[in-house]
């Protein structure tokens, strides 16, 4: 299920107009960050965007599904990341719009790390 570096480079190149976008290794695939906030996953040959109540309906309307993986105990669904529909990937402007919505969802969900107090 490992994602290729080529796919990560392709996605980050497409998202370059959005600003500080970079890929990092994560769980046999890649996480895509805007600044320090993850908003996309690349697993296998599939990109997944972060969703919330604002952008999830668009994914549902296109028949997309949340990210799933199997463990010894059964299937696990990660409802906060949904597969990016193929037709969105094929339209660079639409892809940027969906990425912006994913970034917004990720920023809303982001909880800054608490600073440790030292005595």
PDB file of N, CA and C in Angstrom:
ATOM      1  N   UNK A   1       0.814  -1.193   0.000  1.00  0.00           N
ATOM      2  CA  UNK A   1       0.000   0.000   0.000  1.00  0.00           C
ATOM      3  C   UNK A   1       0.863   1.264   0.000  1.00  0.00           C
ATOM      4  N   UNK A   2       2.145   1.146  -0.199  1.00  0.00           N
ATOM      5  CA  UNK A   2       3.035   2.304  -0.154  1.00  0.00           C
ATOM      6  C   UNK A   2       2.788   3.226  -1.346  1.00  0.00           C
ATOM      7  N   UNK A   3       2.801   4.510  -1.057  1.00  0.00           N
ATOM      8  CA  UNK A   3       2.649   5.520  -2.108  1.00  0.00           C
ATOM      9  C   UNK A   3       4.024   5.817  -2.698  1.00  0.00           C
ATOM     10  N   UNK A   4       4.035   6.216  -3.943  1.00  0.00           N
ATOM     11  CA  UNK A   4       5.297   6.504  -4.598  1.00  0.00           C
ATOM     12  C   UNK A   4       5.732   7.949  -4.353  1.00  0.00           C
ATOM     13  N   UNK A   5       7.040   8.158  -4.356  1.00  0.00           N
ATOM     14  CA  UNK A   5       7.591   9.509  -4.237  1.00  0.00           C
ATOM     15  C   UNK A   5       7.146  10.339  -5.440  1.00  0.00           C
ATOM     16  N   UNK A   6       7.019   9.702  -6.608  1.00  0.00           N
ATOM     17  CA  UNK A   6       6.588  10.416  -7.814  1.00  0.00           C
ATOM     18  C   UNK A   6       5.188  10.999  -7.635  1.00  0.00           C
ATOM     19  N   UNK A   7       4.286  10.215  -7.029  1.00  0.00           N
ATOM     20  CA  UNK A   7       2.935  10.716  -6.780  1.00  0.00           C
ATOM     21  C   UNK A   7       2.981  11.881  -5.790  1.00  0.00           C
ATOM     22  N   UNK A   8       3.782  11.748  -4.748  1.00  0.00           N
ATOM     23  CA  UNK A   8       3.906  12.830  -3.763  1.00  0.00           C
ATOM     24  C   UNK A   8       4.423  14.101  -4.430  1.00  0.00           C
ATOM     25  N   UNK A   9       5.422  13.962  -5.293  1.00  0.00           N
ATOM     26  CA  UNK A   9       5.963  15.129  -5.999  1.00  0.00           C
ATOM     27  C   UNK A   9       4.923  15.733  -6.939  1.00  0.00           C
ATOM     28  N   UNK A  10       4.179  14.875  -7.643  1.00  0.00           N
ATOM     29  CA  UNK A  10       3.139  15.348  -8.558  1.00  0.00           C
ATOM     30  C   UNK A  10       2.076  16.148  -7.805  1.00  0.00           C
ATOM     31  N   UNK A  11       1.624  15.621  -6.674  1.00  0.00           N
ATOM     32  CA  UNK A  11       0.583  16.288  -5.882  1.00  0.00           C
ATOM     33  C   UNK A  11       1.104  17.614  -5.326  1.00  0.00           C
ATOM     34  N   UNK A  12       2.303  17.602  -4.761  1.00  0.00           N
ATOM     35  CA  UNK A  12       2.828  18.854  -4.198  1.00  0.00           C
ATOM     36  C   UNK A  12       3.066  19.890  -5.290  1.00  0.00           C
ATOM     37  N   UNK A  13       3.451  19.463  -6.478  1.00  0.00           N
ATOM     38  CA  UNK A  13       3.594  20.408  -7.600  1.00  0.00           C
ATOM     39  C   UNK A  13       2.242  21.016  -7.968  1.00  0.00           C
ATOM     40  N   UNK A  14       1.188  20.183  -7.999  1.00  0.00           N
ATOM     41  CA  UNK A  14      -0.148  20.693  -8.319  1.00  0.00           C
ATOM     42  C   UNK A  14      -0.624  21.704  -7.268  1.00  0.00           C
ATOM     43  N   UNK A  15      -0.200  21.499  -6.031  1.00  0.00           N
ATOM     44  CA  UNK A  15      -0.673  22.333  -4.925  1.00  0.00           C
ATOM     45  C   UNK A  15       0.237  23.535  -4.645  1.00  0.00           C
ATOM     46  N   UNK A  16       1.298  23.663  -5.393  1.00  0.00           N
ATOM     47  CA  UNK A  16       2.266  24.748  -5.179  1.00  0.00           C
ATOM     48  C   UNK A  16       1.631  26.141  -5.097  1.00  0.00           C
ATOM     49  N   UNK A  17       0.606  26.462  -5.899  1.00  0.00           N
ATOM     50  CA  UNK A  17       0.000  27.795  -5.801  1.00  0.00           C
ATOM     51  C   UNK A  17      -0.599  28.117  -4.423  1.00  0.00           C
ATOM     52  N   UNK A  18      -0.813  27.097  -3.582  1.00  0.00           N
ATOM     53  CA  UNK A  18      -1.426  27.327  -2.275  1.00  0.00           C
ATOM     54  C   UNK A  18      -0.425  27.793  -1.220  1.00  0.00           C
ATOM     55  N   UNK A  19       0.857  27.721  -1.524  1.00  0.00           N
ATOM     56  CA  UNK A  19       1.846  28.205  -0.564  1.00  0.00           C
ATOM     57  C   UNK A  19       2.724  27.110  -0.017  1.00  0.00           C
ATOM     58  N   UNK A  20       2.909  27.103   1.304  1.00  0.00           N
ATOM     59  CA  UNK A  20       3.851  26.225   1.997  1.00  0.00           C
ATOM     60  C   UNK A  20       3.338  24.784   2.070  1.00  0.00           C
ATOM     61  N   UNK A  21       3.491  24.055   0.956  1.00  0.00           N
ATOM     62  CA  UNK A  21       3.020  22.671   0.840  1.00  0.00           C
ATOM     63  C   UNK A  21       4.232  21.750   0.763  1.00  0.00           C
ATOM     64  N   UNK A  22       4.231  20.686   1.549  1.00  0.00           N
ATOM     65  CA  UNK A  22       5.310  19.704   1.465  1.00  0.00           C
ATOM     66  C   UNK A  22       4.819  18.330   1.901  1.00  0.00           C
ATOM     67  N   UNK A  23       5.513  17.304   1.384  1.00  0.00           N
ATOM     68  CA  UNK A  23       5.163  15.905   1.684  1.00  0.00           C
ATOM     69  C   UNK A  23       6.187  15.338   2.659  1.00  0.00           C
ATOM     70  N   UNK A  24       5.724  14.429   3.504  1.00  0.00           N
ATOM     71  CA  UNK A  24       6.618  13.729   4.423  1.00  0.00           C
ATOM     72  C   UNK A  24       6.163  12.278   4.539  1.00  0.00           C
ATOM     73  N   UNK A  25       7.149  11.371   4.744  1.00  0.00           N
ATOM     74  CA  UNK A  25       6.826   9.949   4.904  1.00  0.00           C
ATOM     75  C   UNK A  25       5.935   9.745   6.108  1.00  0.00           C
ATOM     76  N   UNK A  26       4.940   8.858   5.923  1.00  0.00           N
ATOM     77  CA  UNK A  26       3.985   8.613   6.991  1.00  0.00           C
ATOM     78  C   UNK A  26       3.278   7.285   6.736  1.00  0.00           C
ATOM     79  N   UNK A  27       3.410   6.323   7.621  1.00  0.00           N
ATOM     80  CA  UNK A  27       2.677   5.049   7.550  1.00  0.00           C
ATOM     81  C   UNK A  27       2.798   4.342   6.196  1.00  0.00           C
ATOM     82  N   UNK A  28       3.949   4.293   5.612  1.00  0.00           N
ATOM     83  CA  UNK A  28       4.117   3.628   4.327  1.00  0.00           C
ATOM     84  C   UNK A  28       3.603   4.439   3.160  1.00  0.00           C
ATOM     85  N   UNK A  29       3.210   5.649   3.404  1.00  0.00           N
ATOM     86  CA  UNK A  29       2.752   6.567   2.363  1.00  0.00           C
ATOM     87  C   UNK A  29       3.321   7.935   2.645  1.00  0.00           C
ATOM     88  N   UNK A  30       2.531   8.946   2.371  1.00  0.00           N
ATOM     89  CA  UNK A  30       2.956  10.324   2.607  1.00  0.00           C
ATOM     90  C   UNK A  30       1.824  11.119   3.229  1.00  0.00           C
ATOM     91  N   UNK A  31       2.203  12.024   4.082  1.00  0.00           N
ATOM     92  CA  UNK A  31       1.296  13.046   4.549  1.00  0.00           C
ATOM     93  C   UNK A  31       1.627  14.316   3.788  1.00  0.00           C
ATOM     94  N   UNK A  32       0.629  15.109   3.484  1.00  0.00           N
ATOM     95  CA  UNK A  32       0.843  16.397   2.821  1.00  0.00           C
ATOM     96  C   UNK A  32       0.452  17.477   3.811  1.00  0.00           C
ATOM     97  N   UNK A  33       1.357  18.401   4.005  1.00  0.00           N
ATOM     98  CA  UNK A  33       1.133  19.462   4.988  1.00  0.00           C
ATOM     99  C   UNK A  33       1.042  20.822   4.315  1.00  0.00           C
ATOM    100  N   UNK A  34       0.228  21.658   4.939  1.00  0.00           N
ATOM    101  CA  UNK A  34       0.202  23.093   4.650  1.00  0.00           C
ATOM    102  C   UNK A  34       0.807  23.715   5.899  1.00  0.00           C
ATOM    103  N   UNK A  35       2.005  24.229   5.779  1.00  0.00           N
ATOM    104  CA  UNK A  35       2.714  24.668   6.975  1.00  0.00           C
ATOM    105  C   UNK A  35       2.986  23.456   7.838  1.00  0.00           C
ATOM    106  N   UNK A  36       2.455  23.463   9.047  1.00  0.00           N
ATOM    107  CA  UNK A  36       2.653  22.338   9.966  1.00  0.00           C
ATOM    108  C   UNK A  36       1.407  21.479  10.143  1.00  0.00           C
ATOM    109  N   UNK A  37       0.395  21.695   9.300  1.00  0.00           N
ATOM    110  CA  UNK A  37      -0.881  21.006   9.463  1.00  0.00           C
ATOM    111  C   UNK A  37      -1.107  20.004   8.333  1.00  0.00           C
ATOM    112  N   UNK A  38      -1.290  18.715   8.698  1.00  0.00           N
ATOM    113  CA  UNK A  38      -1.615  17.689   7.703  1.00  0.00           C
ATOM    114  C   UNK A  38      -3.026  17.912   7.174  1.00  0.00           C
ATOM    115  N   UNK A  39      -3.158  17.894   5.842  1.00  0.00           N
ATOM    116  CA  UNK A  39      -4.491  18.013   5.255  1.00  0.00           C
ATOM    117  C   UNK A  39      -4.750  16.960   4.189  1.00  0.00           C
ATOM    118  N   UNK A  40      -3.749  16.144   3.875  1.00  0.00           N
ATOM    119  CA  UNK A  40      -3.925  15.108   2.855  1.00  0.00           C
ATOM    120  C   UNK A  40      -3.035  13.916   3.179  1.00  0.00           C
ATOM    121  N   UNK A  41      -3.474  12.752   2.713  1.00  0.00           N
ATOM    122  CA  UNK A  41      -2.697  11.519   2.807  1.00  0.00           C
ATOM    123  C   UNK A  41      -2.558  10.930   1.419  1.00  0.00           C
ATOM    124  N   UNK A  42      -1.423  10.320   1.145  1.00  0.00           N
ATOM    125  CA  UNK A  42      -1.222   9.559  -0.085  1.00  0.00           C
ATOM    126  C   UNK A  42      -0.891   8.139   0.340  1.00  0.00           C
ATOM    127  N   UNK A  43      -1.800   7.233   0.053  1.00  0.00           N
ATOM    128  CA  UNK A  43      -1.625   5.835   0.429  1.00  0.00           C
ATOM    129  C   UNK A  43      -1.943   4.975  -0.776  1.00  0.00           C
ATOM    130  N   UNK A  44      -1.021   4.102  -1.134  1.00  0.00           N
ATOM    131  CA  UNK A  44      -1.155   3.393  -2.392  1.00  0.00           C
ATOM    132  C   UNK A  44      -1.030   4.433  -3.486  1.00  0.00           C
ATOM    133  N   UNK A  45      -1.883   4.383  -4.454  1.00  0.00           N
ATOM    134  CA  UNK A  45      -1.895   5.399  -5.508  1.00  0.00           C
ATOM    135  C   UNK A  45      -3.073   6.344  -5.342  1.00  0.00           C
ATOM    136  N   UNK A  46      -3.563   6.477  -4.115  1.00  0.00           N
ATOM    137  CA  UNK A  46      -4.756   7.283  -3.883  1.00  0.00           C
ATOM    138  C   UNK A  46      -4.484   8.445  -2.943  1.00  0.00           C
ATOM    139  N   UNK A  47      -4.958   9.636  -3.315  1.00  0.00           N
ATOM    140  CA  UNK A  47      -4.907  10.763  -2.386  1.00  0.00           C
ATOM    141  C   UNK A  47      -6.204  10.838  -1.585  1.00  0.00           C
ATOM    142  N   UNK A  48      -6.082  11.233  -0.338  1.00  0.00           N
ATOM    143  CA  UNK A  48      -7.214  11.433   0.563  1.00  0.00           C
ATOM    144  C   UNK A  48      -7.101  12.837   1.139  1.00  0.00           C
ATOM    145  N   UNK A  49      -8.203  13.576   1.153  1.00  0.00           N
ATOM    146  CA  UNK A  49      -8.223  14.916   1.732  1.00  0.00           C
ATOM    147  C   UNK A  49      -8.942  14.909   3.068  1.00  0.00           C
ATOM    148  N   UNK A  50      -8.531  15.829   3.925  1.00  0.00           N
ATOM    149  CA  UNK A  50      -9.183  16.029   5.226  1.00  0.00           C
ATOM    150  C   UNK A  50     -10.586  16.575   4.982  1.00  0.00           C
ATOM    151  N   UNK A  51     -11.546  16.069   5.721  1.00  0.00           N
ATOM    152  CA  UNK A  51     -12.929  16.528   5.584  1.00  0.00           C
ATOM    153  C   UNK A  51     -13.483  16.949   6.932  1.00  0.00           C
ATOM    154  N   UNK A  52     -14.520  17.759   6.866  1.00  0.00           N
ATOM    155  CA  UNK A  52     -15.333  18.108   8.026  1.00  0.00           C
ATOM    156  C   UNK A  52     -16.753  18.275   7.517  1.00  0.00           C
ATOM    157  N   UNK A  53     -17.630  18.792   8.330  1.00  0.00           N
ATOM    158  CA  UNK A  53     -19.027  18.931   7.912  1.00  0.00           C
ATOM    159  C   UNK A  53     -19.186  19.876   6.724  1.00  0.00           C
ATOM    160  N   UNK A  54     -18.222  20.775   6.513  1.00  0.00           N
ATOM    161  CA  UNK A  54     -18.315  21.726   5.405  1.00  0.00           C
ATOM    162  C   UNK A  54     -18.050  21.128   4.035  1.00  0.00           C
ATOM    163  N   UNK A  55     -17.056  20.238   3.930  1.00  0.00           N
ATOM    164  CA  UNK A  55     -16.711  19.703   2.606  1.00  0.00           C
ATOM    165  C   UNK A  55     -17.077  18.229   2.403  1.00  0.00           C
ATOM    166  N   UNK A  56     -17.455  17.525   3.468  1.00  0.00           N
ATOM    167  CA  UNK A  56     -17.808  16.108   3.330  1.00  0.00           C
ATOM    168  C   UNK A  56     -18.945  15.865   2.335  1.00  0.00           C
ATOM    169  N   UNK A  57     -20.000  16.712   2.308  1.00  0.00           N
ATOM    170  CA  UNK A  57     -21.085  16.455   1.352  1.00  0.00           C
ATOM    171  C   UNK A  57     -20.618  16.398  -0.114  1.00  0.00           C
ATOM    172  N   UNK A  58     -19.618  17.189  -0.477  1.00  0.00           N
ATOM    173  CA  UNK A  58     -19.113  17.152  -1.860  1.00  0.00           C
ATOM    174  C   UNK A  58     -18.484  15.796  -2.168  1.00  0.00           C
ATOM    175  N   UNK A  59     -17.799  15.219  -1.199  1.00  0.00           N
ATOM    176  CA  UNK A  59     -17.216  13.888  -1.382  1.00  0.00           C
ATOM    177  C   UNK A  59     -18.321  12.839  -1.498  1.00  0.00           C
ATOM    178  N   UNK A  60     -19.311  12.947  -0.624  1.00  0.00           N
ATOM    179  CA  UNK A  60     -20.417  11.994  -0.642  1.00  0.00           C
ATOM    180  C   UNK A  60     -21.172  12.049  -1.965  1.00  0.00           C
ATOM    181  N   UNK A  61     -21.404  13.263  -2.493  1.00  0.00           N
ATOM    182  CA  UNK A  61     -22.132  13.423  -3.762  1.00  0.00           C
ATOM    183  C   UNK A  61     -21.418  12.754  -4.922  1.00  0.00           C
ATOM    184  N   UNK A  62     -20.105  12.661  -4.858  1.00  0.00           N
ATOM    185  CA  UNK A  62     -19.331  12.043  -5.932  1.00  0.00           C
ATOM    186  C   UNK A  62     -19.066  10.565  -5.677  1.00  0.00           C
ATOM    187  N   UNK A  63     -19.655  10.023  -4.620  1.00  0.00           N
ATOM    188  CA  UNK A  63     -19.499   8.592  -4.343  1.00  0.00           C
ATOM    189  C   UNK A  63     -18.175   8.225  -3.700  1.00  0.00           C
ATOM    190  N   UNK A  64     -17.458   9.212  -3.187  1.00  0.00           N
ATOM    191  CA  UNK A  64     -16.189   8.948  -2.514  1.00  0.00           C
ATOM    192  C   UNK A  64     -16.440   8.258  -1.172  1.00  0.00           C
ATOM    193  N   UNK A  65     -15.393   7.668  -0.625  1.00  0.00           N
ATOM    194  CA  UNK A  65     -15.508   6.982   0.659  1.00  0.00           C
ATOM    195  C   UNK A  65     -14.344   7.358   1.555  1.00  0.00           C
ATOM    196  N   UNK A  66     -14.528   7.178   2.859  1.00  0.00           N
ATOM    197  CA  UNK A  66     -13.432   7.486   3.780  1.00  0.00           C
ATOM    198  C   UNK A  66     -12.306   6.460   3.665  1.00  0.00           C
ATOM    199  N   UNK A  67     -11.137   6.868   4.135  1.00  0.00           N
ATOM    200  CA  UNK A  67      -9.980   5.982   4.163  1.00  0.00           C
ATOM    201  C   UNK A  67     -10.258   4.816   5.109  1.00  0.00           C
ATOM    202  N   UNK A  68      -9.917   3.604   4.646  1.00  0.00           N
ATOM    203  CA  UNK A  68     -10.093   2.386   5.445  1.00  0.00           C
ATOM    204  C   UNK A  68      -8.836   1.541   5.358  1.00  0.00           C
ATOM    205  N   UNK A  69      -8.578   0.816   6.439  1.00  0.00           N
ATOM    206  CA  UNK A  69      -7.491  -0.156   6.421  1.00  0.00           C
ATOM    207  C   UNK A  69      -7.855  -1.318   7.334  1.00  0.00           C
ATOM    208  N   UNK A  70      -7.186  -2.436   7.112  1.00  0.00           N
ATOM    209  CA  UNK A  70      -7.487  -3.647   7.873  1.00  0.00           C
ATOM    210  C   UNK A  70      -6.437  -3.901   8.944  1.00  0.00           C
ATOM    211  N   UNK A  71      -6.905  -4.398  10.074  1.00  0.00           N
ATOM    212  CA  UNK A  71      -6.027  -4.838  11.151  1.00  0.00           C
ATOM    213  C   UNK A  71      -6.418  -6.268  11.496  1.00  0.00           C
ATOM    214  N   UNK A  72      -5.704  -6.855  12.437  1.00  0.00           N
ATOM    215  CA  UNK A  72      -6.043  -8.210  12.880  1.00  0.00           C
ATOM    216  C   UNK A  72      -7.444  -8.258  13.489  1.00  0.00           C
ATOM    217  N   UNK A  73      -7.892  -7.126  14.030  1.00  0.00           N
ATOM    218  CA  UNK A  73      -9.207  -7.071  14.662  1.00  0.00           C
ATOM    219  C   UNK A  73     -10.317  -6.662  13.701  1.00  0.00           C
ATOM    220  N   UNK A  74      -9.971  -6.355  12.464  1.00  0.00           N
ATOM    221  CA  UNK A  74     -10.987  -5.981  11.489  1.00  0.00           C
ATOM    222  C   UNK A  74     -10.677  -4.660  10.796  1.00  0.00           C
ATOM    223  N   UNK A  75     -11.657  -4.191  10.053  1.00  0.00           N
ATOM    224  CA  UNK A  75     -11.491  -2.967   9.278  1.00  0.00           C
ATOM    225  C   UNK A  75     -11.645  -1.722  10.159  1.00  0.00           C
ATOM    226  N   UNK A  76     -10.777  -0.748   9.899  1.00  0.00           N
ATOM    227  CA  UNK A  76     -10.824   0.529  10.603  1.00  0.00           C
ATOM    228  C   UNK A  76     -11.133   1.610   9.578  1.00  0.00           C
ATOM    229  N   UNK A  77     -12.080   2.482   9.899  1.00  0.00           N
ATOM    230  CA  UNK A  77     -12.429   3.601   9.025  1.00  0.00           C
ATOM    231  C   UNK A  77     -11.940   4.892   9.666  1.00  0.00           C
ATOM    232  N   UNK A  78     -11.232   5.683   8.859  1.00  0.00           N
ATOM    233  CA  UNK A  78     -10.743   6.983   9.302  1.00  0.00           C
ATOM    234  C   UNK A  78     -11.637   8.023   8.633  1.00  0.00           C
ATOM    235  N   UNK A  79     -12.670   8.443   9.338  1.00  0.00           N
ATOM    236  CA  UNK A  79     -13.690   9.310   8.755  1.00  0.00           C
ATOM    237  C   UNK A  79     -13.263  10.722   8.481  1.00  0.00           C
ATOM    238  N   UNK A  80     -12.087  11.119   8.935  1.00  0.00           N
ATOM    239  CA  UNK A  80     -11.641  12.492   8.705  1.00  0.00           C
ATOM    240  C   UNK A  80     -10.865  12.660   7.396  1.00  0.00           C
ATOM    241  N   UNK A  81     -10.582  11.561   6.691  1.00  0.00           N
ATOM    242  CA  UNK A  81      -9.907  11.623   5.383  1.00  0.00           C
ATOM    243  C   UNK A  81     -10.703  10.806   4.374  1.00  0.00           C
ATOM    244  N   UNK A  82     -11.043  11.452   3.254  1.00  0.00           N
ATOM    245  CA  UNK A  82     -11.825  10.796   2.206  1.00  0.00           C
ATOM    246  C   UNK A  82     -11.053  10.807   0.893  1.00  0.00           C
ATOM    247  N   UNK A  83     -11.279   9.748   0.108  1.00  0.00           N
ATOM    248  CA  UNK A  83     -10.607   9.619  -1.194  1.00  0.00           C
ATOM    249  C   UNK A  83     -11.006  10.758  -2.125  1.00  0.00           C
ATOM    250  N   UNK A  84      -9.993  11.342  -2.776  1.00  0.00           N
ATOM    251  CA  UNK A  84     -10.250  12.406  -3.743  1.00  0.00           C
ATOM    252  C   UNK A  84     -10.748  11.765  -5.037  1.00  0.00           C
ATOM    253  N   UNK A  85     -11.941  12.135  -5.500  1.00  0.00           N
ATOM    254  CA  UNK A  85     -12.478  11.545  -6.730  1.00  0.00           C
ATOM    255  C   UNK A  85     -11.567  11.798  -7.939  1.00  0.00           C
ATOM    256  N   UNK A  86     -11.526  10.831  -8.840  1.00  0.00           N
ATOM    257  CA  UNK A  86     -10.655  10.904 -10.014  1.00  0.00           C
ATOM    258  C   UNK A  86     -10.907  12.152 -10.848  1.00  0.00           C
ATOM    259  N   UNK A  87     -12.180  12.532 -11.045  1.00  0.00           N
ATOM    260  CA  UNK A  87     -12.456  13.697 -11.889  1.00  0.00           C
ATOM    261  C   UNK A  87     -11.915  14.979 -11.262  1.00  0.00           C
ATOM    262  N   UNK A  88     -11.788  15.028  -9.946  1.00  0.00           N
ATOM    263  CA  UNK A  88     -11.212  16.196  -9.277  1.00  0.00           C
ATOM    264  C   UNK A  88      -9.713  16.253  -9.570  1.00  0.00           C
ATOM    265  N   UNK A  89      -9.057  15.104  -9.551  1.00  0.00           N
ATOM    266  CA  UNK A  89      -7.619  15.027  -9.844  1.00  0.00           C
ATOM    267  C   UNK A  89      -7.314  15.476 -11.266  1.00  0.00           C
ATOM    268  N   UNK A  90      -8.251  15.290 -12.168  1.00  0.00           N
ATOM    269  CA  UNK A  90      -8.025  15.601 -13.576  1.00  0.00           C
ATOM    270  C   UNK A  90      -8.262  17.069 -13.915  1.00  0.00           C
ATOM    271  N   UNK A  91      -8.762  17.851 -12.975  1.00  0.00           N
ATOM    272  CA  UNK A  91      -9.045  19.273 -13.191  1.00  0.00           C
ATOM    273  C   UNK A  91      -8.225  20.092 -12.192  1.00  0.00           C
ATOM    274  N   UNK A  92      -7.092  20.652 -12.635  1.00  0.00           N
ATOM    275  CA  UNK A  92      -6.188  21.349 -11.708  1.00  0.00           C
ATOM    276  C   UNK A  92      -6.846  22.453 -10.876  1.00  0.00           C
ATOM    277  N   UNK A  93      -7.722  23.232 -11.457  1.00  0.00           N
ATOM    278  CA  UNK A  93      -8.369  24.309 -10.704  1.00  0.00           C
ATOM    279  C   UNK A  93      -9.334  23.747  -9.650  1.00  0.00           C
ATOM    280  N   UNK A  94     -10.097  22.749 -10.038  1.00  0.00           N
ATOM    281  CA  UNK A  94     -11.016  22.116  -9.101  1.00  0.00           C
ATOM    282  C   UNK A  94     -10.235  21.418  -7.982  1.00  0.00           C
ATOM    283  N   UNK A  95      -9.128  20.789  -8.345  1.00  0.00           N
ATOM    284  CA  UNK A  95      -8.273  20.134  -7.354  1.00  0.00           C
ATOM    285  C   UNK A  95      -7.782  21.146  -6.313  1.00  0.00           C
ATOM    286  N   UNK A  96      -7.378  22.333  -6.773  1.00  0.00           N
ATOM    287  CA  UNK A  96      -6.946  23.381  -5.843  1.00  0.00           C
ATOM    288  C   UNK A  96      -8.091  23.823  -4.932  1.00  0.00           C
ATOM    289  N   UNK A  97      -9.291  23.941  -5.488  1.00  0.00           N
ATOM    290  CA  UNK A  97     -10.453  24.317  -4.670  1.00  0.00           C
ATOM    291  C   UNK A  97     -10.716  23.279  -3.577  1.00  0.00           C
ATOM    292  N   UNK A  98     -10.662  22.013  -3.947  1.00  0.00           N
ATOM    293  CA  UNK A  98     -10.909  20.948  -2.966  1.00  0.00           C
ATOM    294  C   UNK A  98      -9.787  20.909  -1.931  1.00  0.00           C
ATOM    295  N   UNK A  99      -8.558  21.172  -2.372  1.00  0.00           N
ATOM    296  CA  UNK A  99      -7.426  21.207  -1.436  1.00  0.00           C
ATOM    297  C   UNK A  99      -7.588  22.360  -0.447  1.00  0.00           C
ATOM    298  N   UNK A 100      -8.050  23.509  -0.928  1.00  0.00           N
ATOM    299  CA  UNK A 100      -8.293  24.643  -0.018  1.00  0.00           C
ATOM    300  C   UNK A 100      -9.321  24.269   1.054  1.00  0.00           C
ATOM    301  N   UNK A 101     -10.374  23.584   0.647  1.00  0.00           N
ATOM    302  CA  UNK A 101     -11.398  23.153   1.606  1.00  0.00           C
ATOM    303  C   UNK A 101     -10.813  22.146   2.603  1.00  0.00           C
ATOM    304  N   UNK A 102      -9.921  21.269   2.127  1.00  0.00           N
ATOM    305  CA  UNK A 102      -9.272  20.299   3.013  1.00  0.00           C
ATOM    306  C   UNK A 102      -8.345  21.010   3.997  1.00  0.00           C
ATOM    307  N   UNK A 103      -7.645  22.019   3.523  1.00  0.00           N
ATOM    308  CA  UNK A 103      -6.781  22.807   4.415  1.00  0.00           C
ATOM    309  C   UNK A 103      -7.625  23.507   5.472  1.00  0.00           C
ATOM    310  N   UNK A 104      -8.737  24.092   5.054  1.00  0.00           N
ATOM    311  CA  UNK A 104      -9.636  24.745   6.016  1.00  0.00           C
ATOM    312  C   UNK A 104     -10.110  23.748   7.079  1.00  0.00           C
ATOM    313  N   UNK A 105     -10.496  22.551   6.648  1.00  0.00           N
ATOM    314  CA  UNK A 105     -10.954  21.525   7.592  1.00  0.00           C
ATOM    315  C   UNK A 105      -9.828  21.142   8.551  1.00  0.00           C
ATOM    316  N   UNK A 106      -8.632  21.001   8.026  1.00  0.00           N
ATOM    317  CA  UNK A 106      -7.489  20.628   8.868  1.00  0.00           C
ATOM    318  C   UNK A 106      -7.137  21.739   9.854  1.00  0.00           C
ATOM    319  N   UNK A 107      -7.181  22.977   9.390  1.00  0.00           N
ATOM    320  CA  UNK A 107      -6.863  24.101  10.281  1.00  0.00           C
ATOM    321  C   UNK A 107      -7.885  24.216  11.413  1.00  0.00           C
ATOM    322  N   UNK A 108      -9.151  23.981  11.101  1.00  0.00           N
ATOM    323  CA  UNK A 108     -10.189  24.027  12.135  1.00  0.00           C
ATOM    324  C   UNK A 108      -9.976  22.937  13.182  1.00  0.00           C
ATOM    325  N   UNK A 109      -9.514  21.777  12.748  1.00  0.00           N
ATOM    326  CA  UNK A 109      -9.330  20.645  13.657  1.00  0.00           C
ATOM    327  C   UNK A 109      -7.990  20.675  14.387  1.00  0.00           C
ATOM    328  N   UNK A 110      -7.071  21.499  13.903  1.00  0.00           N
ATOM    329  CA  UNK A 110      -5.716  21.527  14.461  1.00  0.00           C
ATOM    330  C   UNK A 110      -5.706  22.081  15.880  1.00  0.00           C
ATOM    331  N   UNK A 111      -5.052  21.345  16.745  1.00  0.00           N
ATOM    332  CA  UNK A 111      -4.872  21.794  18.117  1.00  0.00           C
ATOM    333  C   UNK A 111      -3.374  21.999  18.320  1.00  0.00           C
ATOM    334  N   UNK A 112      -2.960  23.245  18.505  1.00  0.00           N
ATOM    335  CA  UNK A 112      -1.523  23.495  18.695  1.00  0.00           C
ATOM    336  C   UNK A 112      -0.975  22.712  19.892  1.00  0.00           C
ATOM    337  N   UNK A 113       0.260  22.280  19.760  1.00  0.00           N
ATOM    338  CA  UNK A 113       0.899  21.563  20.856  1.00  0.00           C
ATOM    339  C   UNK A 113       1.057  22.501  22.040  1.00  0.00           C
ATOM    340  N   UNK A 114       0.766  21.970  23.215  1.00  0.00           N
ATOM    341  CA  UNK A 114       0.926  22.761  24.439  1.00  0.00           C
ATOM    342  C   UNK A 114       2.406  22.813  24.802  1.00  0.00           C
ATOM    343  N   UNK A 115       2.824  23.981  25.232  1.00  0.00           N
ATOM    344  CA  UNK A 115       4.215  24.147  25.646  1.00  0.00           C
ATOM    345  C   UNK A 115       4.383  23.580  27.045  1.00  0.00           C
ATOM    346  N   UNK A 116       5.483  22.899  27.232  1.00  0.00           N
ATOM    347  CA  UNK A 116       5.790  22.335  28.549  1.00  0.00           C
ATOM    348  C   UNK A 116       6.268  23.433  29.482  1.00  0.00           C
ATOM    349  N   UNK A 117       5.871  23.294  30.715  1.00  0.00           N
ATOM    350  CA  UNK A 117       6.353  24.212  31.738  1.00  0.00           C
ATOM    351  C   UNK A 117       7.521  23.531  32.445  1.00  0.00           C
ATOM    352  N   UNK A 118       8.591  24.223  32.537  1.00  0.00           N
ATOM    353  CA  UNK A 118       9.766  23.693  33.236  1.00  0.00           C
ATOM    354  C   UNK A 118       9.935  24.444  34.545  1.00  0.00           C
ATOM    355  N   UNK A 119      10.236  23.724  35.597  1.00  0.00           N
ATOM    356  CA  UNK A 119      10.434  24.359  36.914  1.00  0.00           C
ATOM    357  C   UNK A 119      11.859  24.736  37.119  1.00  0.00           C
TER     358      UNK A 119
END
